[in-house]
Amino acid sequence: MNSRHALDIRRQALVERSASQRSAIIEGTAPLLHHAQRLDRIVGTVRRHPLLAGLAVTGVALLGSRKLFAVATRLLTVYMLVRRR
């Protein structure tokens, strides 16, 4: 009977230790899960609009990121001006 009681105490200690470790793992992975959700949204957008993603990659490859940003800024300005009319 005494060994049964000792096993029950040991089991309870292991269960508490396991719960503590599980909580620590969950807290430690929270930032990773946040980044993974952000990446998942980006991947989902690319999958829904593959043509736009392909055009963006082609633009960066041909023009470079700085020049593409300048062109996009000009196009946005023209779009906003045309839209106001």
PDB file of N, CA and C in Angstrom:
ATOM      1  N   MET A   1       0.815  -1.189   0.000  1.00  0.00           N
ATOM      2  CA  MET A   1       0.000   0.000   0.000  1.00  0.00           C
ATOM      3  C   MET A   1       0.863   1.259   0.000  1.00  0.00           C
ATOM      4  N   ASN A   2       1.982   1.194   0.733  1.00  0.00           N
ATOM      5  CA  ASN A   2       2.871   2.330   0.837  1.00  0.00           C
ATOM      6  C   ASN A   2       3.490   2.687  -0.519  1.00  0.00           C
ATOM      7  N   SER A   3       3.853   1.663  -1.292  1.00  0.00           N
ATOM      8  CA  SER A   3       4.440   1.936  -2.615  1.00  0.00           C
ATOM      9  C   SER A   3       3.397   2.540  -3.554  1.00  0.00           C
ATOM     10  N   ARG A   4       2.154   2.133  -3.401  1.00  0.00           N
ATOM     11  CA  ARG A   4       1.068   2.706  -4.215  1.00  0.00           C
ATOM     12  C   ARG A   4       0.921   4.201  -3.922  1.00  0.00           C
ATOM     13  N   HIS A   5       0.981   4.553  -2.659  1.00  0.00           N
ATOM     14  CA  HIS A   5       0.881   5.955  -2.252  1.00  0.00           C
ATOM     15  C   HIS A   5       2.072   6.760  -2.799  1.00  0.00           C
ATOM     16  N   ALA A   6       3.254   6.173  -2.737  1.00  0.00           N
ATOM     17  CA  ALA A   6       4.455   6.844  -3.257  1.00  0.00           C
ATOM     18  C   ALA A   6       4.343   7.048  -4.761  1.00  0.00           C
ATOM     19  N   LEU A   7       3.801   6.050  -5.466  1.00  0.00           N
ATOM     20  CA  LEU A   7       3.607   6.180  -6.915  1.00  0.00           C
ATOM     21  C   LEU A   7       2.591   7.272  -7.245  1.00  0.00           C
ATOM     22  N   ASP A   8       1.531   7.348  -6.457  1.00  0.00           N
ATOM     23  CA  ASP A   8       0.523   8.394  -6.678  1.00  0.00           C
ATOM     24  C   ASP A   8       1.120   9.786  -6.483  1.00  0.00           C
ATOM     25  N   ILE A   9       1.948   9.924  -5.442  1.00  0.00           N
ATOM     26  CA  ILE A   9       2.595  11.219  -5.193  1.00  0.00           C
ATOM     27  C   ILE A   9       3.541  11.558  -6.338  1.00  0.00           C
ATOM     28  N   ARG A  10       4.329  10.564  -6.771  1.00  0.00           N
ATOM     29  CA  ARG A  10       5.259  10.790  -7.894  1.00  0.00           C
ATOM     30  C   ARG A  10       4.499  11.144  -9.168  1.00  0.00           C
ATOM     31  N   ARG A  11       3.410  10.445  -9.421  1.00  0.00           N
ATOM     32  CA  ARG A  11       2.598  10.725 -10.612  1.00  0.00           C
ATOM     33  C   ARG A  11       2.071  12.154 -10.576  1.00  0.00           C
ATOM     34  N   GLN A  12       1.554  12.581  -9.432  1.00  0.00           N
ATOM     35  CA  GLN A  12       1.022  13.939  -9.298  1.00  0.00           C
ATOM     36  C   GLN A  12       2.118  14.975  -9.545  1.00  0.00           C
ATOM     37  N   ALA A  13       3.309  14.720  -9.026  1.00  0.00           N
ATOM     38  CA  ALA A  13       4.435  15.642  -9.235  1.00  0.00           C
ATOM     39  C   ALA A  13       4.800  15.716 -10.710  1.00  0.00           C
ATOM     40  N   LEU A  14       4.782  14.567 -11.392  1.00  0.00           N
ATOM     41  CA  LEU A  14       5.096  14.556 -12.826  1.00  0.00           C
ATOM     42  C   LEU A  14       4.025  15.282 -13.647  1.00  0.00           C
ATOM     43  N   VAL A  15       2.774  15.109 -13.267  1.00  0.00           N
ATOM     44  CA  VAL A  15       1.686  15.793 -13.960  1.00  0.00           C
ATOM     45  C   VAL A  15       1.826  17.311 -13.799  1.00  0.00           C
ATOM     46  N   GLU A  16       2.148  17.762 -12.589  1.00  0.00           N
ATOM     47  CA  GLU A  16       2.330  19.192 -12.351  1.00  0.00           C
ATOM     48  C   GLU A  16       3.538  19.724 -13.124  1.00  0.00           C
ATOM     49  N   ARG A  17       4.611  18.936 -13.142  1.00  0.00           N
ATOM     50  CA  ARG A  17       5.797  19.350 -13.896  1.00  0.00           C
ATOM     51  C   ARG A  17       5.493  19.436 -15.389  1.00  0.00           C
ATOM     52  N   SER A  18       4.744  18.479 -15.881  1.00  0.00           N
ATOM     53  CA  SER A  18       4.360  18.472 -17.292  1.00  0.00           C
ATOM     54  C   SER A  18       3.509  19.696 -17.633  1.00  0.00           C
ATOM     55  N   ALA A  19       2.582  20.032 -16.765  1.00  0.00           N
ATOM     56  CA  ALA A  19       1.736  21.210 -16.987  1.00  0.00           C
ATOM     57  C   ALA A  19       2.577  22.483 -16.985  1.00  0.00           C
ATOM     58  N   SER A  20       3.543  22.552 -16.097  1.00  0.00           N
ATOM     59  CA  SER A  20       4.429  23.708 -16.035  1.00  0.00           C
ATOM     60  C   SER A  20       5.255  23.831 -17.309  1.00  0.00           C
ATOM     61  N   GLN A  21       5.795  22.725 -17.785  1.00  0.00           N
ATOM     62  CA  GLN A  21       6.583  22.737 -19.013  1.00  0.00           C
ATOM     63  C   GLN A  21       5.720  23.087 -20.220  1.00  0.00           C
ATOM     64  N   ARG A  22       4.504  22.572 -20.251  1.00  0.00           N
ATOM     65  CA  ARG A  22       3.587  22.874 -21.346  1.00  0.00           C
ATOM     66  C   ARG A  22       3.289  24.372 -21.399  1.00  0.00           C
ATOM     67  N   SER A  23       3.070  24.977 -20.248  1.00  0.00           N
ATOM     68  CA  SER A  23       2.814  26.417 -20.191  1.00  0.00           C
ATOM     69  C   SER A  23       4.023  27.213 -20.677  1.00  0.00           C
ATOM     70  N   ALA A  24       5.213  26.778 -20.273  1.00  0.00           N
ATOM     71  CA  ALA A  24       6.433  27.465 -20.699  1.00  0.00           C
ATOM     72  C   ALA A  24       6.620  27.367 -22.213  1.00  0.00           C
ATOM     73  N   ILE A  25       6.320  26.219 -22.780  1.00  0.00           N
ATOM     74  CA  ILE A  25       6.435  26.049 -24.232  1.00  0.00           C
ATOM     75  C   ILE A  25       5.442  26.943 -24.948  1.00  0.00           C
ATOM     76  N   ILE A  26       4.219  26.993 -24.475  1.00  0.00           N
ATOM     77  CA  ILE A  26       3.195  27.832 -25.105  1.00  0.00           C
ATOM     78  C   ILE A  26       3.589  29.300 -25.051  1.00  0.00           C
ATOM     79  N   GLU A  27       4.089  29.755 -23.902  1.00  0.00           N
ATOM     80  CA  GLU A  27       4.529  31.150 -23.773  1.00  0.00           C
ATOM     81  C   GLU A  27       5.721  31.439 -24.673  1.00  0.00           C
ATOM     82  N   GLY A  28       6.620  30.480 -24.810  1.00  0.00           N
ATOM     83  CA  GLY A  28       7.808  30.674 -25.634  1.00  0.00           C
ATOM     84  C   GLY A  28       7.522  30.695 -27.116  1.00  0.00           C
ATOM     85  N   THR A  29       6.469  30.011 -27.538  1.00  0.00           N
ATOM     86  CA  THR A  29       6.159  29.952 -28.963  1.00  0.00           C
ATOM     87  C   THR A  29       5.157  31.010 -29.407  1.00  0.00           C
ATOM     88  N   ALA A  30       4.635  31.800 -28.505  1.00  0.00           N
ATOM     89  CA  ALA A  30       3.645  32.819 -28.876  1.00  0.00           C
ATOM     90  C   ALA A  30       4.175  33.788 -29.933  1.00  0.00           C
ATOM     91  N   PRO A  31       5.401  34.321 -29.796  1.00  0.00           N
ATOM     92  CA  PRO A  31       5.904  35.215 -30.854  1.00  0.00           C
ATOM     93  C   PRO A  31       6.052  34.499 -32.195  1.00  0.00           C
ATOM     94  N   LEU A  32       6.466  33.238 -32.155  1.00  0.00           N
ATOM     95  CA  LEU A  32       6.596  32.484 -33.400  1.00  0.00           C
ATOM     96  C   LEU A  32       5.244  32.288 -34.066  1.00  0.00           C
ATOM     97  N   LEU A  33       4.231  32.020 -33.270  1.00  0.00           N
ATOM     98  CA  LEU A  33       2.890  31.851 -33.825  1.00  0.00           C
ATOM     99  C   LEU A  33       2.384  33.153 -34.440  1.00  0.00           C
ATOM    100  N   HIS A  34       2.715  34.277 -33.832  1.00  0.00           N
ATOM    101  CA  HIS A  34       2.314  35.574 -34.375  1.00  0.00           C
ATOM    102  C   HIS A  34       2.955  35.789 -35.752  1.00  0.00           C
ATOM    103  N   HIS A  35       4.249  35.491 -35.861  1.00  0.00           N
ATOM    104  CA  HIS A  35       4.940  35.642 -37.145  1.00  0.00           C
ATOM    105  C   HIS A  35       4.402  34.642 -38.171  1.00  0.00           C
ATOM    106  N   ALA A  36       4.083  33.449 -37.727  1.00  0.00           N
ATOM    107  CA  ALA A  36       3.550  32.437 -38.634  1.00  0.00           C
ATOM    108  C   ALA A  36       2.188  32.859 -39.171  1.00  0.00           C
ATOM    109  N   GLN A  37       1.361  33.481 -38.337  1.00  0.00           N
ATOM    110  CA  GLN A  37       0.062  33.959 -38.805  1.00  0.00           C
ATOM    111  C   GLN A  37       0.233  35.051 -39.846  1.00  0.00           C
ATOM    112  N   ARG A  38       1.195  35.944 -39.619  1.00  0.00           N
ATOM    113  CA  ARG A  38       1.461  37.011 -40.582  1.00  0.00           C
ATOM    114  C   ARG A  38       1.927  36.427 -41.912  1.00  0.00           C
ATOM    115  N   LEU A  39       2.835  35.464 -41.853  1.00  0.00           N
ATOM    116  CA  LEU A  39       3.323  34.813 -43.061  1.00  0.00           C
ATOM    117  C   LEU A  39       2.195  34.070 -43.763  1.00  0.00           C
ATOM    118  N   ASP A  40       1.314  33.452 -43.004  1.00  0.00           N
ATOM    119  CA  ASP A  40       0.187  32.734 -43.590  1.00  0.00           C
ATOM    120  C   ASP A  40      -0.745  33.684 -44.342  1.00  0.00           C
ATOM    121  N   ARG A  41      -0.963  34.891 -43.795  1.00  0.00           N
ATOM    122  CA  ARG A  41      -1.787  35.877 -44.500  1.00  0.00           C
ATOM    123  C   ARG A  41      -1.139  36.291 -45.814  1.00  0.00           C
ATOM    124  N   ILE A  42       0.180  36.475 -45.800  1.00  0.00           N
ATOM    125  CA  ILE A  42       0.886  36.870 -47.026  1.00  0.00           C
ATOM    126  C   ILE A  42       0.796  35.762 -48.062  1.00  0.00           C
ATOM    127  N   VAL A  43       1.039  34.535 -47.645  1.00  0.00           N
ATOM    128  CA  VAL A  43       0.970  33.405 -48.565  1.00  0.00           C
ATOM    129  C   VAL A  43      -0.449  33.254 -49.109  1.00  0.00           C
ATOM    130  N   GLY A  44      -1.441  33.446 -48.265  1.00  0.00           N
ATOM    131  CA  GLY A  44      -2.830  33.360 -48.720  1.00  0.00           C
ATOM    132  C   GLY A  44      -3.150  34.416 -49.762  1.00  0.00           C
ATOM    133  N   THR A  45      -2.642  35.619 -49.571  1.00  0.00           N
ATOM    134  CA  THR A  45      -2.859  36.687 -50.545  1.00  0.00           C
ATOM    135  C   THR A  45      -2.189  36.352 -51.863  1.00  0.00           C
ATOM    136  N   VAL A  46      -0.965  35.847 -51.807  1.00  0.00           N
ATOM    137  CA  VAL A  46      -0.246  35.480 -53.038  1.00  0.00           C
ATOM    138  C   VAL A  46      -0.985  34.360 -53.761  1.00  0.00           C
ATOM    139  N   ARG A  47      -1.526  33.415 -53.022  1.00  0.00           N
ATOM    140  CA  ARG A  47      -2.270  32.319 -53.663  1.00  0.00           C
ATOM    141  C   ARG A  47      -3.571  32.803 -54.292  1.00  0.00           C
ATOM    142  N   ARG A  48      -4.211  33.786 -53.684  1.00  0.00           N
ATOM    143  CA  ARG A  48      -5.456  34.309 -54.252  1.00  0.00           C
ATOM    144  C   ARG A  48      -5.209  35.201 -55.461  1.00  0.00           C
ATOM    145  N   HIS A  49      -4.044  35.841 -55.517  1.00  0.00           N
ATOM    146  CA  HIS A  49      -3.729  36.765 -56.609  1.00  0.00           C
ATOM    147  C   HIS A  49      -2.359  36.447 -57.201  1.00  0.00           C
ATOM    148  N   PRO A  50      -2.214  35.306 -57.859  1.00  0.00           N
ATOM    149  CA  PRO A  50      -0.891  34.918 -58.359  1.00  0.00           C
ATOM    150  C   PRO A  50      -0.387  35.833 -59.481  1.00  0.00           C
ATOM    151  N   LEU A  51      -1.287  36.375 -60.280  1.00  0.00           N
ATOM    152  CA  LEU A  51      -0.867  37.254 -61.370  1.00  0.00           C
ATOM    153  C   LEU A  51      -0.248  38.536 -60.818  1.00  0.00           C
ATOM    154  N   LEU A  52      -0.892  39.132 -59.818  1.00  0.00           N
ATOM    155  CA  LEU A  52      -0.342  40.343 -59.216  1.00  0.00           C
ATOM    156  C   LEU A  52       0.994  40.070 -58.531  1.00  0.00           C
ATOM    157  N   ALA A  53       1.106  38.927 -57.884  1.00  0.00           N
ATOM    158  CA  ALA A  53       2.369  38.578 -57.234  1.00  0.00           C
ATOM    159  C   ALA A  53       3.463  38.383 -58.274  1.00  0.00           C
ATOM    160  N   GLY A  54       3.125  37.739 -59.364  1.00  0.00           N
ATOM    161  CA  GLY A  54       4.102  37.547 -60.445  1.00  0.00           C
ATOM    162  C   GLY A  54       4.547  38.865 -61.054  1.00  0.00           C
ATOM    163  N   LEU A  55       3.592  39.783 -61.243  1.00  0.00           N
ATOM    164  CA  LEU A  55       3.942  41.101 -61.775  1.00  0.00           C
ATOM    165  C   LEU A  55       4.844  41.870 -60.809  1.00  0.00           C
ATOM    166  N   ALA A  56       4.575  41.770 -59.536  1.00  0.00           N
ATOM    167  CA  ALA A  56       5.400  42.456 -58.538  1.00  0.00           C
ATOM    168  C   ALA A  56       6.821  41.898 -58.534  1.00  0.00           C
ATOM    169  N   VAL A  57       6.951  40.593 -58.580  1.00  0.00           N
ATOM    170  CA  VAL A  57       8.286  39.978 -58.595  1.00  0.00           C
ATOM    171  C   VAL A  57       9.027  40.351 -59.867  1.00  0.00           C
ATOM    172  N   THR A  58       8.324  40.340 -60.995  1.00  0.00           N
ATOM    173  CA  THR A  58       8.942  40.731 -62.264  1.00  0.00           C
ATOM    174  C   THR A  58       9.381  42.189 -62.221  1.00  0.00           C
ATOM    175  N   GLY A  59       8.545  43.042 -61.664  1.00  0.00           N
ATOM    176  CA  GLY A  59       8.901  44.457 -61.555  1.00  0.00           C
ATOM    177  C   GLY A  59      10.129  44.674 -60.702  1.00  0.00           C
ATOM    178  N   VAL A  60      10.209  43.986 -59.586  1.00  0.00           N
ATOM    179  CA  VAL A  60      11.386  44.120 -58.716  1.00  0.00           C
ATOM    180  C   VAL A  60      12.622  43.593 -59.433  1.00  0.00           C
ATOM    181  N   ALA A  61      12.484  42.497 -60.162  1.00  0.00           N
ATOM    182  CA  ALA A  61      13.636  41.918 -60.862  1.00  0.00           C
ATOM    183  C   ALA A  61      14.116  42.831 -61.985  1.00  0.00           C
ATOM    184  N   LEU A  62      13.192  43.435 -62.713  1.00  0.00           N
ATOM    185  CA  LEU A  62      13.580  44.276 -63.843  1.00  0.00           C
ATOM    186  C   LEU A  62      14.003  45.680 -63.431  1.00  0.00           C
ATOM    187  N   LEU A  63      13.284  46.278 -62.516  1.00  0.00           N
ATOM    188  CA  LEU A  63      13.524  47.685 -62.175  1.00  0.00           C
ATOM    189  C   LEU A  63      14.355  47.877 -60.916  1.00  0.00           C
ATOM    190  N   GLY A  64      14.316  46.944 -60.024  1.00  0.00           N
ATOM    191  CA  GLY A  64      14.943  47.137 -58.719  1.00  0.00           C
ATOM    192  C   GLY A  64      13.909  47.721 -57.767  1.00  0.00           C
ATOM    193  N   SER A  65      14.100  47.517 -56.501  1.00  0.00           N
ATOM    194  CA  SER A  65      13.078  47.897 -55.532  1.00  0.00           C
ATOM    195  C   SER A  65      12.925  49.409 -55.406  1.00  0.00           C
ATOM    196  N   ARG A  66      14.016  50.163 -55.464  1.00  0.00           N
ATOM    197  CA  ARG A  66      13.910  51.624 -55.321  1.00  0.00           C
ATOM    198  C   ARG A  66      13.187  52.251 -56.504  1.00  0.00           C
ATOM    199  N   LYS A  67      13.554  51.835 -57.687  1.00  0.00           N
ATOM    200  CA  LYS A  67      12.917  52.401 -58.877  1.00  0.00           C
ATOM    201  C   LYS A  67      11.446  51.981 -58.934  1.00  0.00           C
ATOM    202  N   LEU A  68      11.171  50.750 -58.549  1.00  0.00           N
ATOM    203  CA  LEU A  68       9.784  50.280 -58.542  1.00  0.00           C
ATOM    204  C   LEU A  68       8.953  51.084 -57.551  1.00  0.00           C
ATOM    205  N   PHE A  69       9.514  51.407 -56.398  1.00  0.00           N
ATOM    206  CA  PHE A  69       8.806  52.220 -55.416  1.00  0.00           C
ATOM    207  C   PHE A  69       8.504  53.608 -55.979  1.00  0.00           C
ATOM    208  N   ALA A  70       9.455  54.199 -56.681  1.00  0.00           N
ATOM    209  CA  ALA A  70       9.245  55.523 -57.287  1.00  0.00           C
ATOM    210  C   ALA A  70       8.144  55.464 -58.340  1.00  0.00           C
ATOM    211  N   VAL A  71       8.163  54.435 -59.176  1.00  0.00           N
ATOM    212  CA  VAL A  71       7.136  54.283 -60.213  1.00  0.00           C
ATOM    213  C   VAL A  71       5.770  54.049 -59.567  1.00  0.00           C
ATOM    214  N   ALA A  72       5.715  53.218 -58.538  1.00  0.00           N
ATOM    215  CA  ALA A  72       4.447  52.944 -57.859  1.00  0.00           C
ATOM    216  C   ALA A  72       3.899  54.210 -57.210  1.00  0.00           C
ATOM    217  N   THR A  73       4.765  55.041 -56.658  1.00  0.00           N
ATOM    218  CA  THR A  73       4.321  56.292 -56.056  1.00  0.00           C
ATOM    219  C   THR A  73       3.716  57.216 -57.109  1.00  0.00           C
ATOM    220  N   ARG A  74       4.357  57.307 -58.250  1.00  0.00           N
ATOM    221  CA  ARG A  74       3.825  58.143 -59.344  1.00  0.00           C
ATOM    222  C   ARG A  74       2.479  57.615 -59.830  1.00  0.00           C
ATOM    223  N   LEU A  75       2.396  56.294 -60.006  1.00  0.00           N
ATOM    224  CA  LEU A  75       1.133  55.711 -60.466  1.00  0.00           C
ATOM    225  C   LEU A  75       0.014  55.934 -59.452  1.00  0.00           C
ATOM    226  N   LEU A  76       0.327  55.835 -58.188  1.00  0.00           N
ATOM    227  CA  LEU A  76      -0.680  56.080 -57.161  1.00  0.00           C
ATOM    228  C   LEU A  76      -1.143  57.536 -57.194  1.00  0.00           C
ATOM    229  N   THR A  77      -0.220  58.451 -57.405  1.00  0.00           N
ATOM    230  CA  THR A  77      -0.580  59.870 -57.498  1.00  0.00           C
ATOM    231  C   THR A  77      -1.506  60.116 -58.683  1.00  0.00           C
ATOM    232  N   VAL A  78      -1.161  59.544 -59.835  1.00  0.00           N
ATOM    233  CA  VAL A  78      -2.001  59.703 -61.023  1.00  0.00           C
ATOM    234  C   VAL A  78      -3.368  59.084 -60.783  1.00  0.00           C
ATOM    235  N   TYR A  79      -3.403  57.919 -60.180  1.00  0.00           N
ATOM    236  CA  TYR A  79      -4.670  57.253 -59.896  1.00  0.00           C
ATOM    237  C   TYR A  79      -5.553  58.112 -58.989  1.00  0.00           C
ATOM    238  N   MET A  80      -4.958  58.674 -57.956  1.00  0.00           N
ATOM    239  CA  MET A  80      -5.727  59.516 -57.025  1.00  0.00           C
ATOM    240  C   MET A  80      -6.245  60.768 -57.741  1.00  0.00           C
ATOM    241  N   LEU A  81      -5.460  61.362 -58.618  1.00  0.00           N
ATOM    242  CA  LEU A  81      -5.902  62.525 -59.360  1.00  0.00           C
ATOM    243  C   LEU A  81      -7.057  62.186 -60.308  1.00  0.00           C
ATOM    244  N   VAL A  82      -6.949  61.086 -61.014  1.00  0.00           N
ATOM    245  CA  VAL A  82      -7.998  60.666 -61.952  1.00  0.00           C
ATOM    246  C   VAL A  82      -9.261  60.291 -61.191  1.00  0.00           C
ATOM    247  N   ARG A  83      -9.120  59.705 -60.059  1.00  0.00           N
ATOM    248  CA  ARG A  83     -10.268  59.253 -59.276  1.00  0.00           C
ATOM    249  C   ARG A  83     -11.065  60.433 -58.728  1.00  0.00           C
ATOM    250  N   ARG A  84     -10.408  61.540 -58.453  1.00  0.00           N
ATOM    251  CA  ARG A  84     -11.105  62.717 -57.913  1.00  0.00           C
ATOM    252  C   ARG A  84     -12.040  63.367 -58.923  1.00  0.00           C
ATOM    253  N   ARG A  85     -11.772  63.226 -60.163  1.00  0.00           N
ATOM    254  CA  ARG A  85     -12.582  63.892 -61.193  1.00  0.00           C
ATOM    255  C   ARG A  85     -13.919  63.301 -61.366  1.00  0.00           C
TER     256      ARG A  85
END
